[in-house]
Amino acid sequence: APVAGICRVAFRTDGAGFLQFVQHILAVNEIGVRRIVDHDKAFSCYFTDPWGTPLEVTTYHADVVRAVITP
């Protein structure tokens, strides 16, 4: 029988919130950022919490993020 579980938990925010989040997690260096991806119409930050749970923060305000971040 297949095993049930969490594949990834995702959160959506605006462009400014995304930038604040990325700046914060990189500054505290306690969360394992795996990658920041430009999906053309959106940006996503993929990371894991201290217990290994895969998480994602996404914004559809890609133009705001692209003005600051070049992945």
N, C-alpha and C. Protein backbone atom coordinates (compact mmCIF):
# COMPACT_ATOMS: atom_id res chain seq x y z
N ALA A 1 0.85 -1.19 0.00
CA ALA A 1 0.00 0.00 0.00
C ALA A 1 0.89 1.24 0.00
N PRO A 2 0.48 2.29 -0.72
CA PRO A 2 1.27 3.53 -0.75
C PRO A 2 1.32 4.19 0.63
N VAL A 3 2.40 4.85 0.88
CA VAL A 3 2.58 5.56 2.14
C VAL A 3 2.11 7.00 1.96
N ALA A 4 1.26 7.47 2.86
CA ALA A 4 0.78 8.85 2.80
C ALA A 4 1.75 9.75 3.55
N GLY A 5 1.83 11.00 3.14
CA GLY A 5 2.70 11.94 3.82
C GLY A 5 2.68 13.28 3.12
N ILE A 6 3.45 14.19 3.65
CA ILE A 6 3.52 15.53 3.08
C ILE A 6 4.58 15.55 2.00
N CYS A 7 4.20 16.00 0.80
CA CYS A 7 5.17 16.17 -0.29
C CYS A 7 5.88 17.51 -0.13
N ARG A 8 5.10 18.58 0.07
CA ARG A 8 5.63 19.92 0.28
C ARG A 8 4.48 20.80 0.74
N VAL A 9 4.78 21.70 1.65
CA VAL A 9 3.81 22.70 2.08
C VAL A 9 4.23 24.01 1.44
N ALA A 10 3.28 24.70 0.77
CA ALA A 10 3.59 25.93 0.06
C ALA A 10 2.80 27.10 0.63
N PHE A 11 3.46 28.26 0.64
CA PHE A 11 2.85 29.49 1.11
C PHE A 11 2.98 30.53 0.02
N ARG A 12 1.94 31.34 -0.15
CA ARG A 12 1.95 32.39 -1.17
C ARG A 12 2.01 33.75 -0.49
N THR A 13 2.81 34.66 -1.07
CA THR A 13 2.95 36.01 -0.53
C THR A 13 3.10 37.00 -1.68
N ASP A 14 3.12 38.28 -1.35
CA ASP A 14 3.37 39.29 -2.37
C ASP A 14 4.88 39.43 -2.59
N GLY A 15 5.28 40.26 -3.54
CA GLY A 15 6.69 40.41 -3.87
C GLY A 15 7.52 40.92 -2.72
N ALA A 16 7.04 41.93 -2.02
CA ALA A 16 7.78 42.50 -0.89
C ALA A 16 7.93 41.46 0.22
N GLY A 17 6.87 40.70 0.50
CA GLY A 17 6.94 39.66 1.51
C GLY A 17 7.92 38.56 1.14
N PHE A 18 7.97 38.20 -0.13
CA PHE A 18 8.92 37.20 -0.61
C PHE A 18 10.35 37.66 -0.37
N LEU A 19 10.63 38.91 -0.74
CA LEU A 19 11.98 39.46 -0.57
C LEU A 19 12.36 39.53 0.91
N GLN A 20 11.42 39.94 1.75
CA GLN A 20 11.69 39.97 3.20
C GLN A 20 11.98 38.57 3.73
N PHE A 21 11.20 37.61 3.29
CA PHE A 21 11.38 36.24 3.74
C PHE A 21 12.76 35.72 3.34
N VAL A 22 13.12 35.88 2.07
CA VAL A 22 14.42 35.39 1.59
C VAL A 22 15.55 36.08 2.35
N GLN A 23 15.45 37.38 2.53
CA GLN A 23 16.49 38.12 3.25
C GLN A 23 16.62 37.58 4.68
N HIS A 24 15.50 37.34 5.33
CA HIS A 24 15.51 36.84 6.71
C HIS A 24 16.13 35.46 6.82
N ILE A 25 15.67 34.51 5.99
CA ILE A 25 16.18 33.15 6.15
C ILE A 25 17.65 33.05 5.77
N LEU A 26 18.11 33.88 4.84
CA LEU A 26 19.53 33.86 4.52
C LEU A 26 20.35 34.48 5.65
N ALA A 27 19.79 35.47 6.34
CA ALA A 27 20.49 36.13 7.44
C ALA A 27 20.60 35.22 8.67
N VAL A 28 19.54 34.50 9.01
CA VAL A 28 19.58 33.66 10.21
C VAL A 28 20.30 32.34 9.95
N ASN A 29 20.33 31.93 8.68
CA ASN A 29 21.09 30.74 8.28
C ASN A 29 20.73 29.50 9.09
N GLU A 30 19.48 29.40 9.51
CA GLU A 30 19.04 28.22 10.27
C GLU A 30 18.15 27.30 9.45
N ILE A 31 17.75 27.77 8.27
CA ILE A 31 16.85 27.00 7.42
C ILE A 31 17.61 26.64 6.14
N GLY A 32 17.52 25.41 5.72
CA GLY A 32 18.26 24.95 4.55
C GLY A 32 17.61 25.35 3.24
N VAL A 33 18.03 26.51 2.69
CA VAL A 33 17.50 26.95 1.40
C VAL A 33 18.11 26.06 0.32
N ARG A 34 17.26 25.39 -0.42
CA ARG A 34 17.75 24.51 -1.49
C ARG A 34 17.92 25.29 -2.78
N ARG A 35 16.94 26.17 -3.08
CA ARG A 35 17.06 26.95 -4.31
C ARG A 35 15.98 28.01 -4.38
N ILE A 36 16.28 29.06 -5.14
CA ILE A 36 15.31 30.09 -5.48
C ILE A 36 15.14 30.00 -6.99
N VAL A 37 13.89 29.83 -7.44
CA VAL A 37 13.64 29.55 -8.85
C VAL A 37 12.75 30.62 -9.46
N ASP A 38 13.16 31.12 -10.62
CA ASP A 38 12.36 32.04 -11.42
C ASP A 38 11.53 31.18 -12.37
N HIS A 39 10.22 31.12 -12.13
CA HIS A 39 9.32 30.32 -12.96
C HIS A 39 8.68 31.18 -14.06
N ASP A 40 9.26 32.30 -14.39
CA ASP A 40 8.80 33.27 -15.37
C ASP A 40 7.68 34.14 -14.80
N LYS A 41 6.54 33.56 -14.46
CA LYS A 41 5.43 34.35 -13.90
C LYS A 41 5.42 34.34 -12.38
N ALA A 42 6.30 33.57 -11.79
CA ALA A 42 6.36 33.46 -10.33
C ALA A 42 7.79 33.19 -9.91
N PHE A 43 8.07 33.46 -8.63
CA PHE A 43 9.33 33.07 -7.99
C PHE A 43 8.99 32.17 -6.83
N SER A 44 9.81 31.13 -6.64
CA SER A 44 9.63 30.24 -5.51
C SER A 44 10.95 30.03 -4.79
N CYS A 45 10.86 29.94 -3.48
CA CYS A 45 12.01 29.62 -2.64
C CYS A 45 11.71 28.27 -2.01
N TYR A 46 12.54 27.27 -2.31
CA TYR A 46 12.37 25.92 -1.78
C TYR A 46 13.37 25.71 -0.66
N PHE A 47 12.89 25.18 0.45
CA PHE A 47 13.74 25.00 1.62
C PHE A 47 13.17 23.91 2.51
N THR A 48 13.91 23.56 3.55
CA THR A 48 13.42 22.58 4.51
C THR A 48 13.49 23.19 5.91
N ASP A 49 12.55 22.80 6.74
CA ASP A 49 12.59 23.26 8.14
C ASP A 49 13.61 22.39 8.89
N PRO A 50 13.86 22.73 10.15
CA PRO A 50 14.87 21.97 10.91
C PRO A 50 14.57 20.47 11.05
N TRP A 51 13.34 20.04 10.80
CA TRP A 51 12.95 18.64 10.91
C TRP A 51 12.92 17.95 9.55
N GLY A 52 13.33 18.68 8.48
CA GLY A 52 13.40 18.08 7.15
C GLY A 52 12.15 18.18 6.32
N THR A 53 11.13 18.91 6.78
CA THR A 53 9.90 19.06 6.02
C THR A 53 10.13 19.98 4.82
N PRO A 54 9.82 19.52 3.59
CA PRO A 54 10.00 20.37 2.43
C PRO A 54 8.94 21.48 2.39
N LEU A 55 9.39 22.72 2.22
CA LEU A 55 8.51 23.88 2.22
C LEU A 55 8.82 24.76 1.02
N GLU A 56 7.87 25.64 0.71
CA GLU A 56 8.02 26.55 -0.43
C GLU A 56 7.29 27.85 -0.13
N VAL A 57 7.93 28.97 -0.50
CA VAL A 57 7.26 30.26 -0.47
C VAL A 57 7.27 30.78 -1.91
N THR A 58 6.10 31.18 -2.40
CA THR A 58 5.95 31.60 -3.80
C THR A 58 5.27 32.97 -3.87
N THR A 59 5.71 33.76 -4.86
CA THR A 59 5.03 35.00 -5.18
C THR A 59 4.77 35.06 -6.68
N TYR A 60 3.64 35.63 -7.03
CA TYR A 60 3.32 35.85 -8.44
C TYR A 60 3.64 37.29 -8.85
N HIS A 61 4.33 38.02 -7.98
CA HIS A 61 4.82 39.37 -8.29
C HIS A 61 6.27 39.25 -8.73
N ALA A 62 6.48 38.47 -9.79
CA ALA A 62 7.84 38.16 -10.24
C ALA A 62 8.63 39.40 -10.65
N ASP A 63 7.95 40.40 -11.19
CA ASP A 63 8.66 41.61 -11.62
C ASP A 63 9.30 42.33 -10.44
N VAL A 64 8.64 42.32 -9.29
CA VAL A 64 9.17 42.95 -8.08
C VAL A 64 10.43 42.22 -7.62
N VAL A 65 10.37 40.89 -7.63
CA VAL A 65 11.50 40.08 -7.20
C VAL A 65 12.63 40.14 -8.19
N ARG A 66 12.32 40.07 -9.47
CA ARG A 66 13.34 40.08 -10.51
C ARG A 66 14.16 41.36 -10.50
N ALA A 67 13.58 42.46 -10.03
CA ALA A 67 14.30 43.72 -9.95
C ALA A 67 15.40 43.67 -8.90
N VAL A 68 15.31 42.71 -7.96
CA VAL A 68 16.26 42.61 -6.85
C VAL A 68 17.11 41.35 -6.93
N ILE A 69 16.50 40.23 -7.32
CA ILE A 69 17.18 38.92 -7.32
C ILE A 69 17.39 38.45 -8.75
N THR A 70 18.60 37.99 -9.03
CA THR A 70 18.89 37.31 -10.29
C THR A 70 19.42 35.93 -9.93
N PRO A 71 18.54 34.91 -9.99
CA PRO A 71 18.99 33.56 -9.58
C PRO A 71 20.00 32.97 -10.56
